[in-house]
N, C-alpha and C. Protein backbone atom coordinates (compact mmCIF):
# COMPACT_ATOMS: atom_id res chain seq x y z
N UNK A 1 56.82 0.17 47.57
CA UNK A 1 55.80 1.18 47.56
C UNK A 1 55.78 1.95 46.23
N UNK A 2 56.94 2.03 45.62
CA UNK A 2 57.02 2.73 44.34
C UNK A 2 56.20 2.02 43.27
N UNK A 3 56.06 0.70 43.40
CA UNK A 3 55.29 -0.05 42.42
C UNK A 3 53.85 0.44 42.33
N UNK A 4 53.24 0.67 43.47
CA UNK A 4 51.85 1.15 43.48
C UNK A 4 51.78 2.55 42.87
N UNK A 5 52.71 3.42 43.21
CA UNK A 5 52.70 4.77 42.65
C UNK A 5 52.90 4.74 41.13
N UNK A 6 53.81 3.91 40.66
CA UNK A 6 54.03 3.81 39.22
C UNK A 6 52.81 3.25 38.50
N UNK A 7 52.20 2.21 39.08
CA UNK A 7 50.99 1.65 38.48
C UNK A 7 49.86 2.67 38.49
N UNK A 8 49.79 3.48 39.52
CA UNK A 8 48.75 4.51 39.60
C UNK A 8 48.91 5.54 38.50
N UNK A 9 50.14 6.00 38.29
CA UNK A 9 50.39 6.98 37.23
C UNK A 9 50.11 6.36 35.86
N UNK A 10 50.52 5.10 35.66
CA UNK A 10 50.23 4.40 34.41
C UNK A 10 48.72 4.25 34.21
N UNK A 11 48.02 3.89 35.28
CA UNK A 11 46.56 3.77 35.23
C UNK A 11 45.92 5.10 34.83
N UNK A 12 46.37 6.18 35.41
CA UNK A 12 45.81 7.50 35.09
C UNK A 12 46.06 7.86 33.63
N UNK A 13 47.28 7.61 33.16
CA UNK A 13 47.59 7.91 31.76
C UNK A 13 46.77 7.07 30.79
N UNK A 14 46.64 5.79 31.09
CA UNK A 14 45.83 4.92 30.23
C UNK A 14 44.35 5.31 30.28
N UNK A 15 43.88 5.71 31.46
CA UNK A 15 42.49 6.16 31.59
C UNK A 15 42.25 7.39 30.72
N UNK A 16 43.17 8.34 30.77
CA UNK A 16 43.02 9.54 29.95
C UNK A 16 42.99 9.17 28.46
N UNK A 17 43.86 8.28 28.04
CA UNK A 17 43.88 7.86 26.65
C UNK A 17 42.56 7.19 26.27
N UNK A 18 42.08 6.29 27.11
CA UNK A 18 40.83 5.58 26.81
C UNK A 18 39.63 6.52 26.79
N UNK A 19 39.60 7.48 27.70
CA UNK A 19 38.49 8.45 27.73
C UNK A 19 38.50 9.30 26.47
N UNK A 20 39.69 9.66 26.01
CA UNK A 20 39.79 10.43 24.77
C UNK A 20 39.28 9.64 23.56
N UNK A 21 39.22 8.32 23.70
CA UNK A 21 38.78 7.46 22.60
C UNK A 21 37.41 6.83 22.88
N UNK A 22 36.61 7.48 23.72
CA UNK A 22 35.23 7.07 23.87
C UNK A 22 34.86 6.29 25.11
N UNK A 23 35.83 5.93 25.94
CA UNK A 23 35.52 5.21 27.18
C UNK A 23 35.06 6.21 28.24
N UNK A 24 34.63 5.69 29.37
CA UNK A 24 34.23 6.57 30.47
C UNK A 24 34.83 6.06 31.77
N UNK A 25 35.01 6.96 32.71
CA UNK A 25 35.54 6.63 34.03
C UNK A 25 34.38 6.12 34.88
N UNK A 26 34.52 4.92 35.42
CA UNK A 26 33.44 4.32 36.20
C UNK A 26 33.43 4.77 37.66
N UNK A 27 34.57 5.18 38.18
CA UNK A 27 34.66 5.64 39.56
C UNK A 27 34.11 7.07 39.63
N UNK A 28 33.00 7.29 40.34
CA UNK A 28 32.39 8.63 40.35
C UNK A 28 33.30 9.71 40.96
N UNK A 29 34.10 9.35 41.93
CA UNK A 29 35.01 10.35 42.53
C UNK A 29 36.06 10.77 41.50
N UNK A 30 36.67 9.79 40.85
CA UNK A 30 37.70 10.11 39.86
C UNK A 30 37.07 10.75 38.61
N UNK A 31 35.83 10.39 38.31
CA UNK A 31 35.15 11.02 37.18
C UNK A 31 34.96 12.51 37.44
N UNK A 32 34.66 12.87 38.69
CA UNK A 32 34.55 14.28 39.05
C UNK A 32 35.86 15.01 38.73
N UNK A 33 36.97 14.44 39.18
CA UNK A 33 38.26 15.08 38.92
C UNK A 33 38.61 15.08 37.44
N UNK A 34 38.19 14.06 36.73
CA UNK A 34 38.41 14.00 35.28
C UNK A 34 37.68 15.14 34.59
N UNK A 35 36.49 15.46 35.06
CA UNK A 35 35.72 16.56 34.48
C UNK A 35 36.40 17.92 34.72
N UNK A 36 37.29 17.98 35.71
CA UNK A 36 38.00 19.22 36.02
C UNK A 36 39.22 19.41 35.11
N UNK A 37 39.58 18.36 34.38
CA UNK A 37 40.71 18.44 33.46
C UNK A 37 41.75 17.37 33.74
N UNK A 38 42.58 17.08 32.75
CA UNK A 38 43.55 16.00 32.89
C UNK A 38 44.61 16.24 33.96
N UNK A 39 45.04 17.48 34.13
CA UNK A 39 46.06 17.76 35.16
C UNK A 39 45.47 17.54 36.55
N UNK A 40 44.26 18.03 36.78
CA UNK A 40 43.59 17.84 38.07
C UNK A 40 43.37 16.35 38.32
N UNK A 41 42.95 15.62 37.28
CA UNK A 41 42.73 14.18 37.40
C UNK A 41 44.02 13.47 37.80
N UNK A 42 45.12 13.76 37.10
CA UNK A 42 46.40 13.11 37.41
C UNK A 42 46.86 13.46 38.83
N UNK A 43 46.71 14.72 39.21
CA UNK A 43 47.12 15.15 40.54
C UNK A 43 46.29 14.46 41.62
N UNK A 44 44.98 14.42 41.43
CA UNK A 44 44.11 13.76 42.42
C UNK A 44 44.45 12.27 42.53
N UNK A 45 44.67 11.62 41.40
CA UNK A 45 45.02 10.20 41.40
C UNK A 45 46.31 9.97 42.18
N UNK A 46 47.30 10.81 41.93
CA UNK A 46 48.59 10.66 42.60
C UNK A 46 48.47 10.94 44.10
N UNK A 47 47.74 11.98 44.47
CA UNK A 47 47.59 12.32 45.89
C UNK A 47 46.84 11.20 46.63
N UNK A 48 45.74 10.72 46.08
CA UNK A 48 44.98 9.65 46.74
C UNK A 48 45.84 8.40 46.90
N UNK A 49 46.58 8.06 45.87
CA UNK A 49 47.42 6.86 45.94
C UNK A 49 48.56 7.07 46.93
N UNK A 50 49.14 8.26 46.96
CA UNK A 50 50.23 8.55 47.90
C UNK A 50 49.75 8.44 49.35
N UNK A 51 48.56 8.94 49.62
CA UNK A 51 48.00 8.84 50.97
C UNK A 51 47.81 7.37 51.34
N UNK A 52 47.32 6.57 50.42
CA UNK A 52 47.14 5.14 50.69
C UNK A 52 48.48 4.47 50.97
N UNK A 53 49.51 4.82 50.22
CA UNK A 53 50.84 4.24 50.43
C UNK A 53 51.37 4.64 51.81
N UNK A 54 51.18 5.88 52.20
CA UNK A 54 51.62 6.31 53.54
C UNK A 54 50.90 5.51 54.61
N UNK A 55 49.61 5.28 54.44
CA UNK A 55 48.86 4.47 55.40
C UNK A 55 49.41 3.05 55.44
N UNK A 56 49.71 2.47 54.27
CA UNK A 56 50.31 1.13 54.23
C UNK A 56 51.62 1.09 55.01
N UNK A 57 52.45 2.11 54.84
CA UNK A 57 53.74 2.15 55.54
C UNK A 57 53.53 2.27 57.04
N UNK A 58 52.62 3.14 57.45
CA UNK A 58 52.36 3.33 58.88
C UNK A 58 51.80 2.07 59.55
N UNK A 59 51.03 1.30 58.81
CA UNK A 59 50.39 0.11 59.38
C UNK A 59 51.10 -1.19 59.01
N UNK A 60 52.28 -1.10 58.43
CA UNK A 60 52.94 -2.28 57.87
C UNK A 60 53.14 -3.41 58.88
N UNK A 61 53.32 -3.08 60.12
CA UNK A 61 53.60 -4.13 61.11
C UNK A 61 52.46 -4.31 62.11
N UNK A 62 51.30 -3.83 61.76
CA UNK A 62 50.13 -3.96 62.63
C UNK A 62 49.44 -5.29 62.35
N UNK A 63 48.71 -5.74 63.34
CA UNK A 63 47.87 -6.92 63.19
C UNK A 63 46.45 -6.49 63.52
N UNK A 64 45.51 -6.82 62.65
CA UNK A 64 44.13 -6.44 62.92
C UNK A 64 43.64 -7.16 64.16
N UNK A 65 42.92 -6.45 65.02
CA UNK A 65 42.42 -7.07 66.26
C UNK A 65 41.55 -8.30 65.97
N UNK A 66 41.69 -9.28 66.84
CA UNK A 66 40.89 -10.52 66.77
C UNK A 66 41.10 -11.31 65.49
N UNK A 67 42.22 -11.11 64.84
CA UNK A 67 42.53 -11.92 63.67
C UNK A 67 44.04 -12.06 63.58
N UNK A 68 44.48 -12.86 62.67
CA UNK A 68 45.91 -13.04 62.46
C UNK A 68 46.34 -12.34 61.17
N UNK A 69 45.51 -11.43 60.68
CA UNK A 69 45.77 -10.76 59.41
C UNK A 69 46.77 -9.64 59.61
N UNK A 70 47.90 -9.73 58.97
CA UNK A 70 48.91 -8.68 59.03
C UNK A 70 48.63 -7.66 57.94
N UNK A 71 48.60 -6.41 58.33
CA UNK A 71 48.21 -5.36 57.38
C UNK A 71 49.22 -5.17 56.25
N UNK A 72 50.45 -5.65 56.40
CA UNK A 72 51.41 -5.50 55.30
C UNK A 72 50.96 -6.27 54.07
N UNK A 73 50.06 -7.24 54.24
CA UNK A 73 49.50 -7.96 53.10
C UNK A 73 48.64 -7.04 52.23
N UNK A 74 48.11 -5.98 52.80
CA UNK A 74 47.28 -5.06 52.03
C UNK A 74 48.05 -4.47 50.86
N UNK A 75 49.34 -4.21 51.08
CA UNK A 75 50.17 -3.67 49.99
C UNK A 75 50.20 -4.66 48.83
N UNK A 76 50.41 -5.91 49.13
CA UNK A 76 50.46 -6.94 48.08
C UNK A 76 49.13 -7.01 47.34
N UNK A 77 48.03 -6.96 48.07
CA UNK A 77 46.70 -7.01 47.44
C UNK A 77 46.46 -5.78 46.57
N UNK A 78 46.88 -4.62 47.05
CA UNK A 78 46.72 -3.39 46.26
C UNK A 78 47.56 -3.46 44.99
N UNK A 79 48.76 -4.01 45.10
CA UNK A 79 49.63 -4.15 43.93
C UNK A 79 48.99 -5.08 42.90
N UNK A 80 48.42 -6.18 43.35
CA UNK A 80 47.75 -7.11 42.45
C UNK A 80 46.53 -6.45 41.81
N UNK A 81 45.75 -5.71 42.60
CA UNK A 81 44.55 -5.05 42.07
C UNK A 81 44.93 -3.99 41.03
N UNK A 82 45.91 -3.16 41.35
CA UNK A 82 46.35 -2.14 40.39
C UNK A 82 46.92 -2.79 39.13
N UNK A 83 47.67 -3.85 39.32
CA UNK A 83 48.22 -4.57 38.17
C UNK A 83 47.12 -5.10 37.27
N UNK A 84 46.06 -5.62 37.89
CA UNK A 84 44.92 -6.12 37.12
C UNK A 84 44.21 -5.02 36.35
N UNK A 85 44.05 -3.88 36.99
CA UNK A 85 43.40 -2.73 36.32
C UNK A 85 44.24 -2.28 35.13
N UNK A 86 45.54 -2.14 35.33
CA UNK A 86 46.43 -1.69 34.25
C UNK A 86 46.45 -2.72 33.12
N UNK A 87 46.48 -4.00 33.47
CA UNK A 87 46.46 -5.05 32.44
C UNK A 87 45.18 -4.96 31.61
N UNK A 88 44.04 -4.74 32.27
CA UNK A 88 42.77 -4.61 31.55
C UNK A 88 42.78 -3.39 30.64
N UNK A 89 43.33 -2.29 31.13
CA UNK A 89 43.40 -1.08 30.30
C UNK A 89 44.30 -1.30 29.09
N UNK A 90 45.36 -2.06 29.25
CA UNK A 90 46.24 -2.37 28.12
C UNK A 90 45.49 -3.21 27.09
N UNK A 91 44.69 -4.16 27.58
CA UNK A 91 43.85 -4.95 26.67
C UNK A 91 42.91 -4.04 25.89
N UNK A 92 42.28 -3.09 26.58
CA UNK A 92 41.36 -2.17 25.91
C UNK A 92 42.07 -1.31 24.88
N UNK A 93 43.28 -0.84 25.21
CA UNK A 93 44.06 -0.05 24.25
C UNK A 93 44.38 -0.91 23.02
N UNK A 94 44.77 -2.17 23.24
CA UNK A 94 45.06 -3.07 22.11
C UNK A 94 43.82 -3.30 21.25
N UNK A 95 42.66 -3.43 21.88
CA UNK A 95 41.42 -3.60 21.12
C UNK A 95 41.12 -2.36 20.29
N UNK A 96 41.37 -1.18 20.87
CA UNK A 96 41.18 0.06 20.12
C UNK A 96 42.12 0.11 18.92
N UNK A 97 43.37 -0.29 19.14
CA UNK A 97 44.35 -0.27 18.05
C UNK A 97 43.97 -1.25 16.95
N UNK A 98 43.40 -2.39 17.33
CA UNK A 98 43.00 -3.40 16.35
C UNK A 98 41.84 -2.91 15.49
N UNK A 99 40.97 -2.07 16.08
CA UNK A 99 39.83 -1.53 15.33
C UNK A 99 40.24 -0.43 14.36
N UNK A 100 41.35 0.21 14.65
CA UNK A 100 41.78 1.36 13.83
C UNK A 100 42.36 0.94 12.50
């Protein structure tokens, strides 16, 4: 579970860096918090991610009705998605560095 929280904090930090260099936040909810300031943005990002992790833990051994899908797989999918987002942000940071 710590992996998702760490990726979330890394994502928030990279987002702040990219926004400072001309990018924009595409998620309208997070963009609202970004407009409130970097501390509010980081706090909101951490709280939302923490709530999701708690839900993952609570549902870890559940099976969705009428399917064989185990909800603990959601954690793995979230980890892959966050990893993809962070990887893309790292690519963008490298592109910015190459232009400088």
